[in-house]
PDB file of all heavy atoms in Angstrom:
ATOM      1  N   LEU A   1      -4.274 -20.033  89.502  1.00  0.00           N
ATOM      2  CA  LEU A   1      -3.356 -19.579  88.446  1.00  0.00           C
ATOM      3  C   LEU A   1      -3.039 -20.726  87.496  1.00  0.00           C
ATOM      4  O   LEU A   1      -3.110 -20.579  86.264  1.00  0.00           O
ATOM      5  CB  LEU A   1      -2.073 -19.029  89.066  1.00  0.00           C
ATOM      6  CG  LEU A   1      -1.003 -18.545  88.082  1.00  0.00           C
ATOM      7  CD1 LEU A   1      -1.487 -17.336  87.297  1.00  0.00           C
ATOM      8  CD2 LEU A   1       0.295 -18.217  88.824  1.00  0.00           C
ATOM      9  N   ALA A   2      -2.694 -21.885  88.054  1.00  0.00           N
ATOM     10  CA  ALA A   2      -2.376 -23.044  87.213  1.00  0.00           C
ATOM     11  C   ALA A   2      -3.590 -23.477  86.406  1.00  0.00           C
ATOM     12  O   ALA A   2      -3.475 -23.848  85.225  1.00  0.00           O
ATOM     13  CB  ALA A   2      -1.872 -24.188  88.090  1.00  0.00           C
ATOM     14  N   LEU A   3      -4.756 -23.431  87.037  1.00  0.00           N
ATOM     15  CA  LEU A   3      -5.987 -23.811  86.347  1.00  0.00           C
ATOM     16  C   LEU A   3      -6.238 -22.887  85.161  1.00  0.00           C
ATOM     17  O   LEU A   3      -6.562 -23.342  84.052  1.00  0.00           O
ATOM     18  CB  LEU A   3      -7.162 -23.739  87.328  1.00  0.00           C
ATOM     19  CG  LEU A   3      -8.537 -24.137  86.800  1.00  0.00           C
ATOM     20  CD1 LEU A   3      -8.555 -25.608  86.434  1.00  0.00           C
ATOM     21  CD2 LEU A   3      -9.606 -23.818  87.845  1.00  0.00           C
ATOM     22  N   ARG A   4      -6.089 -21.596  85.366  1.00  0.00           N
ATOM     23  CA  ARG A   4      -6.319 -20.648  84.277  1.00  0.00           C
ATOM     24  C   ARG A   4      -5.357 -20.899  83.129  1.00  0.00           C
ATOM     25  O   ARG A   4      -5.737 -20.844  81.946  1.00  0.00           O
ATOM     26  CB  ARG A   4      -6.182 -19.208  84.780  1.00  0.00           C
ATOM     27  CG  ARG A   4      -6.421 -18.192  83.668  1.00  0.00           C
ATOM     28  CD  ARG A   4      -6.528 -16.756  84.141  1.00  0.00           C
ATOM     29  NE  ARG A   4      -6.953 -15.947  83.009  1.00  0.00           N
ATOM     30  CZ  ARG A   4      -6.224 -14.989  82.434  1.00  0.00           C
ATOM     31  NH1 ARG A   4      -5.046 -14.669  82.926  1.00  0.00           N
ATOM     32  NH2 ARG A   4      -6.685 -14.328  81.395  1.00  0.00           N
ATOM     33  N   HIS A   5      -4.112 -21.196  83.440  1.00  0.00           N
ATOM     34  CA  HIS A   5      -3.101 -21.348  82.391  1.00  0.00           C
ATOM     35  C   HIS A   5      -3.123 -22.716  81.738  1.00  0.00           C
ATOM     36  O   HIS A   5      -2.347 -22.957  80.805  1.00  0.00           O
ATOM     37  CB  HIS A   5      -1.723 -20.977  82.938  1.00  0.00           C
ATOM     38  CG  HIS A   5      -1.547 -19.497  83.068  1.00  0.00           C
ATOM     39  ND1 HIS A   5      -0.962 -18.719  82.089  1.00  0.00           N
ATOM     40  CD2 HIS A   5      -1.947 -18.633  84.045  1.00  0.00           C
ATOM     41  CE1 HIS A   5      -0.977 -17.452  82.464  1.00  0.00           C
ATOM     42  NE2 HIS A   5      -1.571 -17.378  83.647  1.00  0.00           N
ATOM     43  N   ARG A   6      -4.010 -23.591  82.171  1.00  0.00           N
ATOM     44  CA  ARG A   6      -4.251 -24.811  81.404  1.00  0.00           C
ATOM     45  C   ARG A   6      -4.888 -24.472  80.067  1.00  0.00           C
ATOM     46  O   ARG A   6      -4.779 -25.242  79.112  1.00  0.00           O
ATOM     47  CB  ARG A   6      -5.163 -25.765  82.189  1.00  0.00           C
ATOM     48  CG  ARG A   6      -4.475 -26.452  83.353  1.00  0.00           C
ATOM     49  CD  ARG A   6      -5.447 -27.247  84.199  1.00  0.00           C
ATOM     50  NE  ARG A   6      -6.136 -28.286  83.452  1.00  0.00           N
ATOM     51  CZ  ARG A   6      -7.044 -29.098  83.966  1.00  0.00           C
ATOM     52  NH1 ARG A   6      -7.404 -28.981  85.233  1.00  0.00           N
ATOM     53  NH2 ARG A   6      -7.614 -30.020  83.223  1.00  0.00           N
ATOM     54  N   ARG A   7      -5.576 -23.366  79.995  1.00  0.00           N
ATOM     55  CA  ARG A   7      -6.133 -22.857  78.739  1.00  0.00           C
ATOM     56  C   ARG A   7      -5.291 -21.665  78.297  1.00  0.00           C
ATOM     57  O   ARG A   7      -5.761 -20.529  78.199  1.00  0.00           O
ATOM     58  CB  ARG A   7      -7.594 -22.425  78.932  1.00  0.00           C
ATOM     59  CG  ARG A   7      -8.555 -23.513  79.391  1.00  0.00           C
ATOM     60  CD  ARG A   7      -8.833 -24.525  78.318  1.00  0.00           C
ATOM     61  NE  ARG A   7     -10.033 -25.306  78.580  1.00  0.00           N
ATOM     62  CZ  ARG A   7     -10.262 -26.485  78.030  1.00  0.00           C
ATOM     63  NH1 ARG A   7      -9.354 -27.025  77.195  1.00  0.00           N
ATOM     64  NH2 ARG A   7     -11.377 -27.147  78.290  1.00  0.00           N
ATOM     65  N   ASP A   8      -4.010 -21.910  78.024  1.00  0.00           N
ATOM     66  CA  ASP A   8      -3.080 -20.801  77.785  1.00  0.00           C
ATOM     67  C   ASP A   8      -3.413 -20.017  76.517  1.00  0.00           C
ATOM     68  O   ASP A   8      -3.074 -18.837  76.411  1.00  0.00           O
ATOM     69  CB  ASP A   8      -1.645 -21.320  77.724  1.00  0.00           C
ATOM     70  CG  ASP A   8      -0.750 -20.642  78.754  1.00  0.00           C
ATOM     71  OD1 ASP A   8      -1.250 -19.770  79.492  1.00  0.00           O
ATOM     72  OD2 ASP A   8       0.441 -20.976  78.819  1.00  0.00           O
ATOM     73  N   LYS A   9      -4.055 -20.671  75.565  1.00  0.00           N
ATOM     74  CA  LYS A   9      -4.423 -19.942  74.347  1.00  0.00           C
ATOM     75  C   LYS A   9      -5.437 -18.851  74.664  1.00  0.00           C
ATOM     76  O   LYS A   9      -5.385 -17.754  74.092  1.00  0.00           O
ATOM     77  CB  LYS A   9      -4.982 -20.914  73.307  1.00  0.00           C
ATOM     78  CG  LYS A   9      -5.217 -20.281  71.945  1.00  0.00           C
ATOM     79  CD  LYS A   9      -5.639 -21.303  70.904  1.00  0.00           C
ATOM     80  CE  LYS A   9      -4.468 -22.144  70.448  1.00  0.00           C
ATOM     81  NZ  LYS A   9      -4.842 -22.989  69.280  1.00  0.00           N
ATOM     82  N   ILE A  10      -6.371 -19.129  75.588  1.00  0.00           N
ATOM     83  CA  ILE A  10      -7.331 -18.101  76.004  1.00  0.00           C
ATOM     84  C   ILE A  10      -6.608 -16.965  76.712  1.00  0.00           C
ATOM     85  O   ILE A  10      -6.873 -15.786  76.460  1.00  0.00           O
ATOM     86  CB  ILE A  10      -8.405 -18.703  76.927  1.00  0.00           C
ATOM     87  CG1 ILE A  10      -9.199 -19.777  76.193  1.00  0.00           C
ATOM     88  CG2 ILE A  10      -9.337 -17.610  77.450  1.00  0.00           C
ATOM     89  CD1 ILE A  10     -10.170 -20.537  77.093  1.00  0.00           C
ATOM     90  N   VAL A  11      -5.687 -17.321  77.604  1.00  0.00           N
ATOM     91  CA  VAL A  11      -4.927 -16.311  78.345  1.00  0.00           C
ATOM     92  C   VAL A  11      -4.170 -15.404  77.380  1.00  0.00           C
ATOM     93  O   VAL A  11      -4.246 -14.169  77.466  1.00  0.00           O
ATOM     94  CB  VAL A  11      -3.955 -16.985  79.336  1.00  0.00           C
ATOM     95  CG1 VAL A  11      -3.060 -15.943  80.007  1.00  0.00           C
ATOM     96  CG2 VAL A  11      -4.721 -17.794  80.381  1.00  0.00           C
ATOM     97  N   ALA A  12      -3.452 -16.012  76.431  1.00  0.00           N
ATOM     98  CA  ALA A  12      -2.609 -15.237  75.517  1.00  0.00           C
ATOM     99  C   ALA A  12      -3.442 -14.338  74.610  1.00  0.00           C
ATOM    100  O   ALA A  12      -3.110 -13.165  74.392  1.00  0.00           O
ATOM    101  CB  ALA A  12      -1.748 -16.178  74.683  1.00  0.00           C
ATOM    102  N   ALA A  13      -4.555 -14.868  74.080  1.00  0.00           N
ATOM    103  CA  ALA A  13      -5.356 -14.071  73.159  1.00  0.00           C
ATOM    104  C   ALA A  13      -6.183 -13.015  73.886  1.00  0.00           C
ATOM    105  O   ALA A  13      -6.485 -11.967  73.310  1.00  0.00           O
ATOM    106  CB  ALA A  13      -6.266 -14.982  72.331  1.00  0.00           C
ATOM    107  N   SER A  14      -6.537 -13.254  75.152  1.00  0.00           N
ATOM    108  CA  SER A  14      -7.207 -12.208  75.938  1.00  0.00           C
ATOM    109  C   SER A  14      -6.262 -11.032  76.145  1.00  0.00           C
ATOM    110  O   SER A  14      -6.643  -9.864  75.970  1.00  0.00           O
ATOM    111  CB  SER A  14      -7.658 -12.760  77.300  1.00  0.00           C
ATOM    112  OG  SER A  14      -8.591 -13.795  77.148  1.00  0.00           O
ATOM    113  N   GLN A  15      -5.009 -11.332  76.505  1.00  0.00           N
ATOM    114  CA  GLN A  15      -4.016 -10.273  76.655  1.00  0.00           C
ATOM    115  C   GLN A  15      -3.713  -9.632  75.299  1.00  0.00           C
ATOM    116  O   GLN A  15      -3.532  -8.416  75.201  1.00  0.00           O
ATOM    117  CB  GLN A  15      -2.732 -10.823  77.276  1.00  0.00           C
ATOM    118  CG  GLN A  15      -1.645  -9.771  77.509  1.00  0.00           C
ATOM    119  CD  GLN A  15      -2.047  -8.713  78.527  1.00  0.00           C
ATOM    120  OE1 GLN A  15      -2.801  -9.000  79.457  1.00  0.00           O
ATOM    121  NE2 GLN A  15      -1.562  -7.493  78.347  1.00  0.00           N
ATOM    122  N   GLY A  16      -3.685 -10.453  74.244  1.00  0.00           N
ATOM    123  CA  GLY A  16      -3.462  -9.918  72.900  1.00  0.00           C
ATOM    124  C   GLY A  16      -4.569  -8.963  72.479  1.00  0.00           C
ATOM    125  O   GLY A  16      -4.310  -7.948  71.816  1.00  0.00           O
ATOM    126  N   SER A  17      -5.808  -9.259  72.875  1.00  0.00           N
ATOM    127  CA  SER A  17      -6.923  -8.360  72.573  1.00  0.00           C
ATOM    128  C   SER A  17      -6.742  -7.024  73.290  1.00  0.00           C
ATOM    129  O   SER A  17      -6.965  -5.950  72.708  1.00  0.00           O
ATOM    130  CB  SER A  17      -8.242  -9.003  73.005  1.00  0.00           C
ATOM    131  OG  SER A  17      -8.498 -10.176  72.256  1.00  0.00           O
ATOM    132  N   TYR A  18      -6.349  -7.095  74.561  1.00  0.00           N
ATOM    133  CA  TYR A  18      -6.087  -5.878  75.335  1.00  0.00           C
ATOM    134  C   TYR A  18      -4.983  -5.051  74.653  1.00  0.00           C
ATOM    135  O   TYR A  18      -5.129  -3.831  74.469  1.00  0.00           O
ATOM    136  CB  TYR A  18      -5.667  -6.258  76.749  1.00  0.00           C
ATOM    137  CG  TYR A  18      -5.194  -5.119  77.614  1.00  0.00           C
ATOM    138  CD1 TYR A  18      -6.091  -4.339  78.333  1.00  0.00           C
ATOM    139  CD2 TYR A  18      -3.831  -4.821  77.724  1.00  0.00           C
ATOM    140  CE1 TYR A  18      -5.653  -3.293  79.132  1.00  0.00           C
ATOM    141  CE2 TYR A  18      -3.388  -3.782  78.518  1.00  0.00           C
ATOM    142  CZ  TYR A  18      -4.302  -3.015  79.222  1.00  0.00           C
ATOM    143  OH  TYR A  18      -3.856  -1.978  80.005  1.00  0.00           O
ATOM    144  N   ASP A  19      -3.900  -5.705  74.276  1.00  0.00           N
ATOM    145  CA  ASP A  19      -2.787  -4.991  73.639  1.00  0.00           C
ATOM    146  C   ASP A  19      -3.207  -4.346  72.329  1.00  0.00           C
ATOM    147  O   ASP A  19      -2.802  -3.220  72.016  1.00  0.00           O
ATOM    148  CB  ASP A  19      -1.620  -5.954  73.401  1.00  0.00           C
ATOM    149  CG  ASP A  19      -1.002  -6.475  74.692  1.00  0.00           C
ATOM    150  OD1 ASP A  19      -1.177  -5.828  75.747  1.00  0.00           O
ATOM    151  OD2 ASP A  19      -0.356  -7.543  74.654  1.00  0.00           O
ATOM    152  N   ALA A  20      -4.030  -5.054  71.541  1.00  0.00           N
ATOM    153  CA  ALA A  20      -4.467  -4.517  70.255  1.00  0.00           C
ATOM    154  C   ALA A  20      -5.418  -3.338  70.433  1.00  0.00           C
ATOM    155  O   ALA A  20      -5.306  -2.319  69.740  1.00  0.00           O
ATOM    156  CB  ALA A  20      -5.147  -5.618  69.437  1.00  0.00           C
ATOM    157  N   LEU A  21      -6.343  -3.454  71.368  1.00  0.00           N
ATOM    158  CA  LEU A  21      -7.347  -2.410  71.568  1.00  0.00           C
ATOM    159  C   LEU A  21      -6.767  -1.141  72.183  1.00  0.00           C
ATOM    160  O   LEU A  21      -7.304  -0.046  71.966  1.00  0.00           O
ATOM    161  CB  LEU A  21      -8.480  -2.944  72.445  1.00  0.00           C
ATOM    162  CG  LEU A  21      -9.443  -3.892  71.726  1.00  0.00           C
ATOM    163  CD1 LEU A  21     -10.198  -4.756  72.724  1.00  0.00           C
ATOM    164  CD2 LEU A  21     -10.420  -3.097  70.856  1.00  0.00           C
ATOM    165  N   PHE A  22      -5.689  -1.280  72.931  1.00  0.00           N
ATOM    166  CA  PHE A  22      -5.089  -0.103  73.580  1.00  0.00           C
ATOM    167  C   PHE A  22      -3.704   0.212  73.004  1.00  0.00           C
ATOM    168  O   PHE A  22      -2.898   0.864  73.649  1.00  0.00           O
ATOM    169  CB  PHE A  22      -5.048  -0.309  75.091  1.00  0.00           C
ATOM    170  CG  PHE A  22      -6.422  -0.414  75.685  1.00  0.00           C
ATOM    171  CD1 PHE A  22      -6.950  -1.647  76.008  1.00  0.00           C
ATOM    172  CD2 PHE A  22      -7.212   0.714  75.864  1.00  0.00           C
ATOM    173  CE1 PHE A  22      -8.238  -1.762  76.518  1.00  0.00           C
ATOM    174  CE2 PHE A  22      -8.497   0.609  76.365  1.00  0.00           C
ATOM    175  CZ  PHE A  22      -9.015  -0.633  76.695  1.00  0.00           C
ATOM    176  N   ASP A  23      -3.478  -0.213  71.776  1.00  0.00           N
ATOM    177  CA  ASP A  23      -2.257   0.136  71.057  1.00  0.00           C
ATOM    178  C   ASP A  23      -2.262   1.646  70.794  1.00  0.00           C
ATOM    179  O   ASP A  23      -3.190   2.162  70.156  1.00  0.00           O
ATOM    180  CB  ASP A  23      -2.223  -0.644  69.739  1.00  0.00           C
ATOM    181  CG  ASP A  23      -0.971  -0.368  68.923  1.00  0.00           C
ATOM    182  OD1 ASP A  23      -0.217   0.583  69.240  1.00  0.00           O
ATOM    183  OD2 ASP A  23      -0.747  -1.098  67.943  1.00  0.00           O
ATOM    184  N   PRO A  24      -1.267   2.384  71.276  1.00  0.00           N
ATOM    185  CA  PRO A  24      -1.257   3.845  71.069  1.00  0.00           C
ATOM    186  C   PRO A  24      -1.244   4.242  69.605  1.00  0.00           C
ATOM    187  O   PRO A  24      -1.674   5.350  69.264  1.00  0.00           O
ATOM    188  CB  PRO A  24       0.032   4.296  71.776  1.00  0.00           C
ATOM    189  CG  PRO A  24       0.340   3.214  72.754  1.00  0.00           C
ATOM    190  CD  PRO A  24      -0.134   1.938  72.107  1.00  0.00           C
ATOM    191  N   THR A  25      -0.764   3.349  68.727  1.00  0.00           N
ATOM    192  CA  THR A  25      -0.667   3.704  67.304  1.00  0.00           C
ATOM    193  C   THR A  25      -1.928   3.365  66.531  1.00  0.00           C
ATOM    194  O   THR A  25      -2.004   3.655  65.334  1.00  0.00           O
ATOM    195  CB  THR A  25       0.531   2.983  66.652  1.00  0.00           C
ATOM    196  OG1 THR A  25       0.277   1.565  66.619  1.00  0.00           O
ATOM    197  CG2 THR A  25       1.819   3.249  67.417  1.00  0.00           C
ATOM    198  N   LEU A  26      -2.933   2.779  67.185  1.00  0.00           N
ATOM    199  CA  LEU A  26      -4.165   2.419  66.481  1.00  0.00           C
ATOM    200  C   LEU A  26      -4.869   3.697  66.033  1.00  0.00           C
ATOM    201  O   LEU A  26      -5.223   4.539  66.860  1.00  0.00           O
ATOM    202  CB  LEU A  26      -5.072   1.609  67.414  1.00  0.00           C
ATOM    203  CG  LEU A  26      -6.353   1.042  66.804  1.00  0.00           C
ATOM    204  CD1 LEU A  26      -6.032  -0.048  65.786  1.00  0.00           C
ATOM    205  CD2 LEU A  26      -7.252   0.476  67.903  1.00  0.00           C
ATOM    206  N   PRO A  27      -5.126   3.857  64.728  1.00  0.00           N
ATOM    207  CA  PRO A  27      -5.748   5.111  64.261  1.00  0.00           C
ATOM    208  C   PRO A  27      -7.257   5.095  64.443  1.00  0.00           C
ATOM    209  O   PRO A  27      -7.875   4.048  64.661  1.00  0.00           O
ATOM    210  CB  PRO A  27      -5.383   5.128  62.775  1.00  0.00           C
ATOM    211  CG  PRO A  27      -5.283   3.672  62.406  1.00  0.00           C
ATOM    212  CD  PRO A  27      -4.765   2.955  63.626  1.00  0.00           C
ATOM    213  N   GLY A  28      -7.857   6.294  64.369  1.00  0.00           N
ATOM    214  CA  GLY A  28      -9.303   6.404  64.281  1.00  0.00           C
ATOM    215  C   GLY A  28     -10.009   6.784  65.554  1.00  0.00           C
ATOM    216  O   GLY A  28     -11.047   7.441  65.512  1.00  0.00           O
ATOM    217  N   LEU A  29      -9.492   6.371  66.689  1.00  0.00           N
ATOM    218  CA  LEU A  29     -10.110   6.700  67.973  1.00  0.00           C
ATOM    219  C   LEU A  29      -8.979   6.895  68.969  1.00  0.00           C
ATOM    220  O   LEU A  29      -8.180   5.977  69.206  1.00  0.00           O
ATOM    221  CB  LEU A  29     -11.032   5.564  68.431  1.00  0.00           C
ATOM    222  CG  LEU A  29     -11.970   5.863  69.610  1.00  0.00           C
ATOM    223  CD1 LEU A  29     -12.993   6.934  69.244  1.00  0.00           C
ATOM    224  CD2 LEU A  29     -12.687   4.600  70.060  1.00  0.00           C
ATOM    225  N   GLY A  30      -8.885   8.088  69.535  1.00  0.00           N
ATOM    226  CA  GLY A  30      -7.760   8.422  70.394  1.00  0.00           C
ATOM    227  C   GLY A  30      -7.652   7.514  71.606  1.00  0.00           C
ATOM    228  O   GLY A  30      -8.655   7.020  72.133  1.00  0.00           O
ATOM    229  N   LEU A  31      -6.428   7.321  72.086  1.00  0.00           N
ATOM    230  CA  LEU A  31      -6.211   6.436  73.228  1.00  0.00           C
ATOM    231  C   LEU A  31      -6.901   6.976  74.476  1.00  0.00           C
ATOM    232  O   LEU A  31      -7.419   6.206  75.286  1.00  0.00           O
ATOM    233  CB  LEU A  31      -4.706   6.250  73.477  1.00  0.00           C
ATOM    234  CG  LEU A  31      -4.323   5.287  74.612  1.00  0.00           C
ATOM    235  CD1 LEU A  31      -4.975   3.923  74.449  1.00  0.00           C
ATOM    236  CD2 LEU A  31      -2.804   5.160  74.708  1.00  0.00           C
ATOM    237  N   ARG A  32      -6.935   8.272  74.652  1.00  0.00           N
ATOM    238  CA  ARG A  32      -7.637   8.816  75.831  1.00  0.00           C
ATOM    239  C   ARG A  32      -9.111   8.426  75.800  1.00  0.00           C
ATOM    240  O   ARG A  32      -9.678   8.016  76.810  1.00  0.00           O
ATOM    241  CB  ARG A  32      -7.471  10.335  75.907  1.00  0.00           C
ATOM    242  CG  ARG A  32      -8.282  10.969  77.061  1.00  0.00           C
ATOM    243  CD  ARG A  32      -7.959  12.433  77.258  1.00  0.00           C
ATOM    244  NE  ARG A  32      -6.605  12.610  77.777  1.00  0.00           N
ATOM    245  CZ  ARG A  32      -6.263  12.465  79.043  1.00  0.00           C
ATOM    246  NH1 ARG A  32      -7.183  12.113  79.940  1.00  0.00           N
ATOM    247  NH2 ARG A  32      -5.026  12.653  79.437  1.00  0.00           N
ATOM    248  N   THR A  33      -9.737   8.570  74.637  1.00  0.00           N
ATOM    249  CA  THR A  33     -11.149   8.190  74.529  1.00  0.00           C
ATOM    250  C   THR A  33     -11.335   6.708  74.811  1.00  0.00           C
ATOM    251  O   THR A  33     -12.271   6.305  75.515  1.00  0.00           O
ATOM    252  CB  THR A  33     -11.703   8.533  73.140  1.00  0.00           C
ATOM    253  OG1 THR A  33     -11.537   9.934  72.901  1.00  0.00           O
ATOM    254  CG2 THR A  33     -13.164   8.167  73.011  1.00  0.00           C
ATOM    255  N   ARG A  34     -10.452   5.878  74.262  1.00  0.00           N
ATOM    256  CA  ARG A  34     -10.553   4.429  74.500  1.00  0.00           C
ATOM    257  C   ARG A  34     -10.455   4.116  75.993  1.00  0.00           C
ATOM    258  O   ARG A  34     -11.211   3.289  76.517  1.00  0.00           O
ATOM    259  CB  ARG A  34      -9.472   3.697  73.714  1.00  0.00           C
ATOM    260  CG  ARG A  34      -9.783   3.528  72.229  1.00  0.00           C
ATOM    261  CD  ARG A  34      -8.650   2.850  71.495  1.00  0.00           C
ATOM    262  NE  ARG A  34      -7.688   3.789  70.958  1.00  0.00           N
ATOM    263  CZ  ARG A  34      -6.415   3.521  70.697  1.00  0.00           C
ATOM    264  NH1 ARG A  34      -5.918   2.328  70.979  1.00  0.00           N
ATOM    265  NH2 ARG A  34      -5.628   4.436  70.180  1.00  0.00           N
ATOM    266  N   LEU A  35      -9.541   4.756  76.681  1.00  0.00           N
ATOM    267  CA  LEU A  35      -9.383   4.508  78.120  1.00  0.00           C
ATOM    268  C   LEU A  35     -10.568   5.061  78.908  1.00  0.00           C
ATOM    269  O   LEU A  35     -11.011   4.445  79.891  1.00  0.00           O
ATOM    270  CB  LEU A  35      -8.080   5.127  78.613  1.00  0.00           C
ATOM    271  CG  LEU A  35      -6.805   4.438  78.107  1.00  0.00           C
ATOM    272  CD1 LEU A  35      -5.575   5.283  78.424  1.00  0.00           C
ATOM    273  CD2 LEU A  35      -6.655   3.038  78.716  1.00  0.00           C
TER     274      LEU A  35
END
């Protein structure tokens, strides 16, 4: 865990990518289809 968080920018932006891709308000492709 500590080793992974030494690269905290990667951790934060990986989670940020997940949040952006599965944002319920993202238009164009339904959340059910994305999941």
